[in-house]
Amino acid sequence: MDAVGAASDMGREALQLTLLLALPMLLTGLIVGVTVSILQAATQVQEQTLSFIPKIIAMLAALYLFMPVLITMLVEYTERAFQAISAISL
């Protein structure tokens, strides 16, 4: 494989990994945000910090919960990237 193709593949894989790493926190924030918005609409309480603080706490909890899996994915990608870099013949 040529250097340009390898770099392109590594870049594509890096973008996919970034999305996968962010997905648990983003989905958690989305679910908590929608839930709080529904509760705010039902109770007619329109306080901005009421939706912000639960989202932050839930996203930190999701990060804590998924951290071992996320770290494993990141380490595996890094190992593959180093192997791909060393395999490229210039």
C-alpha atoms as a PDB file:
ATOM      1  CA  MET A   1       0.000   0.000   0.000  1.00  0.00           C
ATOM      2  CA  ASP A   2       1.325   3.441  -0.836  1.00  0.00           C
ATOM      3  CA  ALA A   3       1.834   6.167   1.741  1.00  0.00           C
ATOM      4  CA  VAL A   4      -1.093   8.285   0.535  1.00  0.00           C
ATOM      5  CA  GLY A   5      -3.528   5.367   0.720  1.00  0.00           C
ATOM      6  CA  ALA A   6      -2.301   4.405   4.176  1.00  0.00           C
ATOM      7  CA  ALA A   7      -2.622   7.984   5.412  1.00  0.00           C
ATOM      8  CA  SER A   8      -6.111   8.211   3.954  1.00  0.00           C
ATOM      9  CA  ASP A   9      -7.154   4.967   5.639  1.00  0.00           C
ATOM     10  CA  MET A  10      -5.692   6.085   8.961  1.00  0.00           C
ATOM     11  CA  GLY A  11      -7.475   9.436   8.708  1.00  0.00           C
ATOM     12  CA  ARG A  12     -10.797   7.782   7.920  1.00  0.00           C
ATOM     13  CA  GLU A  13     -10.364   5.355  10.805  1.00  0.00           C
ATOM     14  CA  ALA A  14      -9.447   8.241  13.134  1.00  0.00           C
ATOM     15  CA  LEU A  15     -12.662  10.075  12.240  1.00  0.00           C
ATOM     16  CA  GLN A  16     -14.739   6.942  12.797  1.00  0.00           C
ATOM     17  CA  LEU A  17     -13.037   6.355  16.128  1.00  0.00           C
ATOM     18  CA  THR A  18     -13.685   9.949  17.180  1.00  0.00           C
ATOM     19  CA  LEU A  19     -17.390   9.509  16.493  1.00  0.00           C
ATOM     20  CA  LEU A  20     -17.473   6.221  18.391  1.00  0.00           C
ATOM     21  CA  LEU A  21     -15.653   7.739  21.362  1.00  0.00           C
ATOM     22  CA  ALA A  22     -18.032  10.699  21.558  1.00  0.00           C
ATOM     23  CA  LEU A  23     -21.223   8.719  20.945  1.00  0.00           C
ATOM     24  CA  PRO A  24     -21.968   7.522  24.517  1.00  0.00           C
ATOM     25  CA  MET A  25     -21.683  11.025  25.993  1.00  0.00           C
ATOM     26  CA  LEU A  26     -23.611  12.674  23.154  1.00  0.00           C
ATOM     27  CA  LEU A  27     -26.478  10.177  23.338  1.00  0.00           C
ATOM     28  CA  THR A  28     -26.629  10.512  27.116  1.00  0.00           C
ATOM     29  CA  GLY A  29     -26.759  14.300  26.840  1.00  0.00           C
ATOM     30  CA  LEU A  30     -29.463  14.059  24.194  1.00  0.00           C
ATOM     31  CA  ILE A  31     -31.644  11.692  26.209  1.00  0.00           C
ATOM     32  CA  VAL A  32     -31.288  13.683  29.434  1.00  0.00           C
ATOM     33  CA  GLY A  33     -31.869  16.970  27.583  1.00  0.00           C
ATOM     34  CA  VAL A  34     -35.078  15.729  25.946  1.00  0.00           C
ATOM     35  CA  THR A  35     -36.311  14.281  29.240  1.00  0.00           C
ATOM     36  CA  VAL A  36     -35.667  17.511  31.128  1.00  0.00           C
ATOM     37  CA  SER A  37     -37.281  19.537  28.324  1.00  0.00           C
ATOM     38  CA  ILE A  38     -40.412  17.392  28.511  1.00  0.00           C
ATOM     39  CA  LEU A  39     -40.533  17.839  32.289  1.00  0.00           C
ATOM     40  CA  GLN A  40     -40.028  21.586  31.921  1.00  0.00           C
ATOM     41  CA  ALA A  41     -42.834  21.801  29.371  1.00  0.00           C
ATOM     42  CA  ALA A  42     -45.138  19.758  31.591  1.00  0.00           C
ATOM     43  CA  THR A  43     -44.446  21.861  34.689  1.00  0.00           C
ATOM     44  CA  GLN A  44     -43.988  25.171  32.819  1.00  0.00           C
ATOM     45  CA  VAL A  45     -40.708  25.785  34.641  1.00  0.00           C
ATOM     46  CA  GLN A  46     -38.378  27.471  32.159  1.00  0.00           C
ATOM     47  CA  GLU A  47     -35.084  27.684  34.022  1.00  0.00           C
ATOM     48  CA  GLN A  48     -32.010  27.294  31.771  1.00  0.00           C
ATOM     49  CA  THR A  49     -29.723  25.834  34.440  1.00  0.00           C
ATOM     50  CA  LEU A  50     -32.299  23.134  35.165  1.00  0.00           C
ATOM     51  CA  SER A  51     -31.452  21.434  31.867  1.00  0.00           C
ATOM     52  CA  PHE A  52     -27.719  22.194  31.884  1.00  0.00           C
ATOM     53  CA  ILE A  53     -26.686  20.682  35.229  1.00  0.00           C
ATOM     54  CA  PRO A  54     -28.383  17.250  34.804  1.00  0.00           C
ATOM     55  CA  LYS A  55     -26.851  16.929  31.326  1.00  0.00           C
ATOM     56  CA  ILE A  56     -23.355  17.625  32.634  1.00  0.00           C
ATOM     57  CA  ILE A  57     -23.763  15.148  35.487  1.00  0.00           C
ATOM     58  CA  ALA A  58     -25.200  12.456  33.193  1.00  0.00           C
ATOM     59  CA  MET A  59     -22.462  12.945  30.606  1.00  0.00           C
ATOM     60  CA  LEU A  60     -19.756  12.676  33.276  1.00  0.00           C
ATOM     61  CA  ALA A  61     -21.424   9.511  34.577  1.00  0.00           C
ATOM     62  CA  ALA A  62     -21.478   8.075  31.050  1.00  0.00           C
ATOM     63  CA  LEU A  63     -17.811   8.971  30.604  1.00  0.00           C
ATOM     64  CA  TYR A  64     -16.962   7.243  33.894  1.00  0.00           C
ATOM     65  CA  LEU A  65     -19.017   4.185  32.936  1.00  0.00           C
ATOM     66  CA  PHE A  66     -17.660   3.813  29.393  1.00  0.00           C
ATOM     67  CA  MET A  67     -14.066   4.895  30.086  1.00  0.00           C
ATOM     68  CA  PRO A  68     -12.532   1.377  30.088  1.00  0.00           C
ATOM     69  CA  VAL A  69     -14.085   0.558  26.702  1.00  0.00           C
ATOM     70  CA  LEU A  70     -13.129   3.932  25.250  1.00  0.00           C
ATOM     71  CA  ILE A  71      -9.527   3.647  26.438  1.00  0.00           C
ATOM     72  CA  THR A  72      -9.278   0.130  24.977  1.00  0.00           C
ATOM     73  CA  MET A  73     -10.556   1.359  21.603  1.00  0.00           C
ATOM     74  CA  LEU A  74      -8.095   4.245  21.627  1.00  0.00           C
ATOM     75  CA  VAL A  75      -5.117   2.056  22.546  1.00  0.00           C
ATOM     76  CA  GLU A  76      -6.008  -0.479  19.834  1.00  0.00           C
ATOM     77  CA  TYR A  77      -6.232   2.297  17.237  1.00  0.00           C
ATOM     78  CA  THR A  78      -2.899   3.719  18.352  1.00  0.00           C
ATOM     79  CA  GLU A  79      -1.239   0.313  18.030  1.00  0.00           C
ATOM     80  CA  ARG A  80      -2.696  -0.144  14.535  1.00  0.00           C
ATOM     81  CA  ALA A  81      -1.566   3.357  13.558  1.00  0.00           C
ATOM     82  CA  PHE A  82       2.002   2.730  14.705  1.00  0.00           C
ATOM     83  CA  GLN A  83       2.061  -0.604  12.878  1.00  0.00           C
ATOM     84  CA  ALA A  84       0.754   1.044   9.705  1.00  0.00           C
ATOM     85  CA  ILE A  85       3.336   3.814   9.945  1.00  0.00           C
ATOM     86  CA  SER A  86       6.170   1.336  10.380  1.00  0.00           C
ATOM     87  CA  ALA A  87       4.883  -0.770   7.466  1.00  0.00           C
ATOM     88  CA  ILE A  88       4.985   2.134   5.010  1.00  0.00           C
ATOM     89  CA  SER A  89       8.060   1.961   2.829  1.00  0.00           C
ATOM     90  CA  LEU A  90       9.163   5.352   1.628  1.00  0.00           C
END
